[in-house]
Amino acid sequence: MSRTRHAKKEVEDALRYAEIHGWRISIGGSHAWGKMVCPYNDKDCRCGEFCISSIWSTPKNPGNHARQIKRVVDNCTGKNTRDDSFKE
């Protein structure tokens, strides 16, 4: 792993989950620890709602933030269309 670890264990676990599913994690930015970017970056992907998501450095509730990160990964429309193509 070439990136630095997130200070909150729950968030770090969620980031690893995102990386396993192909999401790219970039560290730095304005008012955030970093960002995660969808690997599909499809033009039909909910108008970009789930294509980029911020990762907070000190979330008020790390468990909720971790669940939010996993929800973004799981609800990615690019992932869902790719999974459907593998079933055929």
N, C-alpha and C. Protein backbone atom coordinates (compact mmCIF):
# COMPACT_ATOMS: atom_id res chain seq x y z
N MET A 1 0.86 -1.17 0.00
CA MET A 1 0.00 0.00 0.00
C MET A 1 0.90 1.23 0.00
N SER A 2 0.74 2.08 -0.99
CA SER A 2 1.63 3.22 -1.12
C SER A 2 1.10 4.48 -0.45
N ARG A 3 -0.17 4.49 -0.09
CA ARG A 3 -0.73 5.68 0.55
C ARG A 3 -0.58 5.59 2.07
N THR A 4 -0.69 6.74 2.72
CA THR A 4 -0.66 6.73 4.18
C THR A 4 -1.99 6.23 4.72
N ARG A 5 -1.94 5.65 5.90
CA ARG A 5 -3.15 5.10 6.51
C ARG A 5 -4.00 6.21 7.11
N HIS A 6 -5.30 5.99 7.12
CA HIS A 6 -6.21 6.92 7.77
C HIS A 6 -6.13 6.65 9.28
N ALA A 7 -6.26 7.71 10.08
CA ALA A 7 -6.11 7.61 11.52
C ALA A 7 -7.23 6.79 12.18
N LYS A 8 -8.41 6.79 11.59
CA LYS A 8 -9.55 6.07 12.16
C LYS A 8 -9.63 4.68 11.54
N LYS A 9 -9.60 3.64 12.40
CA LYS A 9 -9.57 2.26 11.93
C LYS A 9 -10.77 1.92 11.04
N GLU A 10 -11.97 2.35 11.42
CA GLU A 10 -13.16 2.03 10.65
C GLU A 10 -13.08 2.63 9.24
N VAL A 11 -12.60 3.85 9.17
CA VAL A 11 -12.48 4.52 7.87
C VAL A 11 -11.39 3.84 7.04
N GLU A 12 -10.29 3.47 7.66
CA GLU A 12 -9.21 2.77 6.94
C GLU A 12 -9.71 1.45 6.36
N ASP A 13 -10.50 0.71 7.15
CA ASP A 13 -11.07 -0.55 6.65
C ASP A 13 -11.98 -0.30 5.45
N ALA A 14 -12.78 0.76 5.51
CA ALA A 14 -13.67 1.10 4.39
C ALA A 14 -12.86 1.51 3.15
N LEU A 15 -11.75 2.21 3.36
CA LEU A 15 -10.90 2.60 2.23
C LEU A 15 -10.26 1.37 1.57
N ARG A 16 -9.87 0.41 2.38
CA ARG A 16 -9.33 -0.84 1.81
C ARG A 16 -10.41 -1.57 1.01
N TYR A 17 -11.63 -1.56 1.52
CA TYR A 17 -12.77 -2.14 0.81
C TYR A 17 -12.93 -1.47 -0.55
N ALA A 18 -12.86 -0.14 -0.57
CA ALA A 18 -12.98 0.60 -1.82
C ALA A 18 -11.84 0.24 -2.78
N GLU A 19 -10.63 0.14 -2.26
CA GLU A 19 -9.48 -0.19 -3.11
C GLU A 19 -9.61 -1.59 -3.70
N ILE A 20 -10.13 -2.52 -2.92
CA ILE A 20 -10.34 -3.88 -3.43
C ILE A 20 -11.30 -3.87 -4.61
N HIS A 21 -12.27 -2.95 -4.58
CA HIS A 21 -13.25 -2.85 -5.65
C HIS A 21 -12.79 -1.90 -6.76
N GLY A 22 -11.52 -1.51 -6.74
CA GLY A 22 -10.94 -0.76 -7.85
C GLY A 22 -10.95 0.75 -7.71
N TRP A 23 -11.48 1.27 -6.61
CA TRP A 23 -11.53 2.72 -6.44
C TRP A 23 -10.13 3.24 -6.15
N ARG A 24 -9.82 4.42 -6.69
CA ARG A 24 -8.52 5.06 -6.48
C ARG A 24 -8.64 6.06 -5.34
N ILE A 25 -7.72 5.99 -4.38
CA ILE A 25 -7.71 6.89 -3.24
C ILE A 25 -6.59 7.91 -3.44
N SER A 26 -6.94 9.19 -3.41
CA SER A 26 -5.91 10.23 -3.50
C SER A 26 -5.96 11.05 -2.21
N ILE A 27 -4.80 11.29 -1.65
CA ILE A 27 -4.69 11.99 -0.37
C ILE A 27 -4.47 13.47 -0.63
N GLY A 28 -5.08 14.28 0.23
CA GLY A 28 -4.93 15.72 0.13
C GLY A 28 -6.16 16.37 -0.44
N GLY A 29 -6.14 17.67 -0.41
CA GLY A 29 -7.27 18.42 -0.92
C GLY A 29 -7.70 19.46 0.10
N SER A 30 -8.70 20.18 -0.25
CA SER A 30 -9.18 21.25 0.60
C SER A 30 -10.20 20.71 1.60
N HIS A 31 -9.93 20.87 2.87
CA HIS A 31 -10.84 20.49 3.95
C HIS A 31 -11.14 19.00 4.02
N ALA A 32 -10.34 18.17 3.43
CA ALA A 32 -10.58 16.73 3.47
C ALA A 32 -9.26 15.99 3.57
N TRP A 33 -9.31 14.77 4.10
CA TRP A 33 -8.12 13.92 4.17
C TRP A 33 -7.75 13.48 2.76
N GLY A 34 -8.79 13.24 1.95
CA GLY A 34 -8.55 12.82 0.58
C GLY A 34 -9.84 12.61 -0.17
N LYS A 35 -9.72 11.99 -1.34
CA LYS A 35 -10.88 11.69 -2.17
C LYS A 35 -10.75 10.28 -2.71
N MET A 36 -11.89 9.68 -3.00
CA MET A 36 -11.86 8.40 -3.70
C MET A 36 -12.60 8.57 -5.01
N VAL A 37 -12.05 7.97 -6.05
CA VAL A 37 -12.55 8.16 -7.41
C VAL A 37 -12.96 6.80 -7.97
N CYS A 38 -14.14 6.79 -8.59
CA CYS A 38 -14.69 5.58 -9.19
C CYS A 38 -13.79 5.08 -10.32
N PRO A 39 -13.58 3.77 -10.41
CA PRO A 39 -12.73 3.25 -11.50
C PRO A 39 -13.43 3.28 -12.85
N TYR A 40 -14.76 3.34 -12.87
CA TYR A 40 -15.50 3.28 -14.13
C TYR A 40 -15.69 4.65 -14.74
N ASN A 41 -15.92 5.67 -13.91
CA ASN A 41 -16.10 7.05 -14.35
C ASN A 41 -16.97 7.11 -15.61
N ASP A 42 -18.10 6.42 -15.54
CA ASP A 42 -19.03 6.32 -16.65
C ASP A 42 -19.86 7.59 -16.78
N LYS A 43 -20.11 8.05 -17.99
CA LYS A 43 -20.90 9.27 -18.18
C LYS A 43 -22.34 9.10 -17.70
N ASP A 44 -22.83 7.88 -17.63
CA ASP A 44 -24.19 7.61 -17.16
C ASP A 44 -24.26 7.38 -15.66
N CYS A 45 -23.16 7.54 -14.97
CA CYS A 45 -23.08 7.23 -13.55
C CYS A 45 -23.71 8.33 -12.70
N ARG A 46 -25.02 8.35 -12.61
CA ARG A 46 -25.76 9.24 -11.72
C ARG A 46 -25.28 10.68 -11.78
N CYS A 47 -24.97 11.16 -12.93
CA CYS A 47 -24.51 12.54 -13.13
C CYS A 47 -23.27 12.85 -12.29
N GLY A 48 -22.46 11.85 -12.02
CA GLY A 48 -21.23 12.05 -11.27
C GLY A 48 -21.40 12.03 -9.77
N GLU A 49 -22.60 11.74 -9.27
CA GLU A 49 -22.84 11.77 -7.82
C GLU A 49 -21.93 10.80 -7.07
N PHE A 50 -21.72 9.62 -7.63
CA PHE A 50 -20.91 8.63 -6.95
C PHE A 50 -19.52 8.48 -7.56
N CYS A 51 -19.16 9.31 -8.53
CA CYS A 51 -17.86 9.16 -9.17
C CYS A 51 -16.71 9.65 -8.30
N ILE A 52 -16.96 10.67 -7.47
CA ILE A 52 -15.93 11.19 -6.57
C ILE A 52 -16.57 11.41 -5.21
N SER A 53 -15.88 10.97 -4.17
CA SER A 53 -16.41 11.14 -2.82
C SER A 53 -15.28 11.60 -1.90
N SER A 54 -15.58 12.54 -1.02
CA SER A 54 -14.57 13.05 -0.08
C SER A 54 -14.42 12.13 1.12
N ILE A 55 -13.22 12.09 1.64
CA ILE A 55 -12.91 11.32 2.84
C ILE A 55 -12.47 12.32 3.90
N TRP A 56 -13.21 12.38 4.97
CA TRP A 56 -12.92 13.35 6.03
C TRP A 56 -11.82 12.84 6.94
N SER A 57 -10.98 13.75 7.41
CA SER A 57 -9.87 13.36 8.29
C SER A 57 -10.34 13.11 9.71
N THR A 58 -11.29 13.91 10.18
CA THR A 58 -11.80 13.74 11.54
C THR A 58 -13.33 13.72 11.51
N PRO A 59 -13.92 12.62 11.03
CA PRO A 59 -15.37 12.58 10.98
C PRO A 59 -15.96 12.56 12.39
N LYS A 60 -17.14 13.14 12.53
CA LYS A 60 -17.79 13.19 13.84
C LYS A 60 -18.06 11.78 14.35
N ASN A 61 -18.47 10.90 13.46
CA ASN A 61 -18.72 9.51 13.80
C ASN A 61 -18.01 8.63 12.77
N PRO A 62 -16.83 8.09 13.10
CA PRO A 62 -16.06 7.31 12.12
C PRO A 62 -16.82 6.10 11.58
N GLY A 63 -17.63 5.46 12.42
CA GLY A 63 -18.39 4.29 11.95
C GLY A 63 -19.39 4.66 10.88
N ASN A 64 -20.09 5.78 11.07
CA ASN A 64 -21.05 6.23 10.06
C ASN A 64 -20.34 6.64 8.77
N HIS A 65 -19.19 7.29 8.90
CA HIS A 65 -18.45 7.71 7.71
C HIS A 65 -17.95 6.48 6.94
N ALA A 66 -17.50 5.46 7.66
CA ALA A 66 -17.06 4.23 7.02
C ALA A 66 -18.21 3.55 6.28
N ARG A 67 -19.39 3.51 6.89
CA ARG A 67 -20.56 2.93 6.23
C ARG A 67 -20.94 3.74 4.99
N GLN A 68 -20.80 5.04 5.06
CA GLN A 68 -21.09 5.90 3.91
C GLN A 68 -20.14 5.58 2.76
N ILE A 69 -18.87 5.40 3.06
CA ILE A 69 -17.88 5.08 2.02
C ILE A 69 -18.23 3.75 1.36
N LYS A 70 -18.55 2.73 2.16
CA LYS A 70 -18.92 1.43 1.61
C LYS A 70 -20.20 1.51 0.78
N ARG A 71 -21.15 2.34 1.22
CA ARG A 71 -22.41 2.50 0.50
C ARG A 71 -22.16 3.14 -0.88
N VAL A 72 -21.25 4.10 -0.94
CA VAL A 72 -20.91 4.72 -2.22
C VAL A 72 -20.32 3.67 -3.17
N VAL A 73 -19.43 2.83 -2.66
CA VAL A 73 -18.81 1.78 -3.48
C VAL A 73 -19.87 0.78 -3.94
N ASP A 74 -20.72 0.35 -3.02
CA ASP A 74 -21.73 -0.66 -3.36
C ASP A 74 -22.81 -0.14 -4.29
N ASN A 75 -23.12 1.17 -4.24
CA ASN A 75 -24.18 1.74 -5.06
C ASN A 75 -23.69 2.32 -6.38
N CYS A 76 -22.46 2.11 -6.71
CA CYS A 76 -21.91 2.64 -7.96
C CYS A 76 -22.62 1.99 -9.14
N THR A 77 -23.20 2.80 -10.00
CA THR A 77 -23.94 2.26 -11.14
C THR A 77 -22.99 1.63 -12.17
N GLY A 78 -21.77 2.11 -12.26
CA GLY A 78 -20.79 1.49 -13.16
C GLY A 78 -20.47 0.07 -12.74
N LYS A 79 -20.34 -0.14 -11.44
CA LYS A 79 -20.07 -1.47 -10.89
C LYS A 79 -21.23 -2.41 -11.19
N ASN A 80 -22.45 -1.91 -11.01
CA ASN A 80 -23.62 -2.75 -11.21
C ASN A 80 -23.76 -3.18 -12.66
N THR A 81 -23.48 -2.30 -13.60
CA THR A 81 -23.58 -2.70 -15.01
C THR A 81 -22.45 -3.64 -15.37
N ARG A 82 -21.29 -3.47 -14.77
CA ARG A 82 -20.17 -4.38 -15.04
C ARG A 82 -20.49 -5.77 -14.48
N ASP A 83 -21.06 -5.84 -13.29
CA ASP A 83 -21.40 -7.12 -12.68
C ASP A 83 -22.44 -7.86 -13.52
N ASP A 84 -23.41 -7.12 -14.08
CA ASP A 84 -24.43 -7.74 -14.93
C ASP A 84 -23.81 -8.35 -16.18
N SER A 85 -22.80 -7.71 -16.74
CA SER A 85 -22.18 -8.22 -17.96
C SER A 85 -21.40 -9.51 -17.68
N PHE A 86 -20.91 -9.68 -16.46
CA PHE A 86 -20.17 -10.89 -16.12
C PHE A 86 -21.11 -12.08 -15.95
N LYS A 87 -22.38 -11.84 -15.63
CA LYS A 87 -23.33 -12.93 -15.39
C LYS A 87 -23.77 -13.60 -16.69
N GLU A 88 -23.68 -12.89 -17.79
CA GLU A 88 -24.17 -13.43 -19.06
C GLU A 88 -23.25 -14.50 -19.61
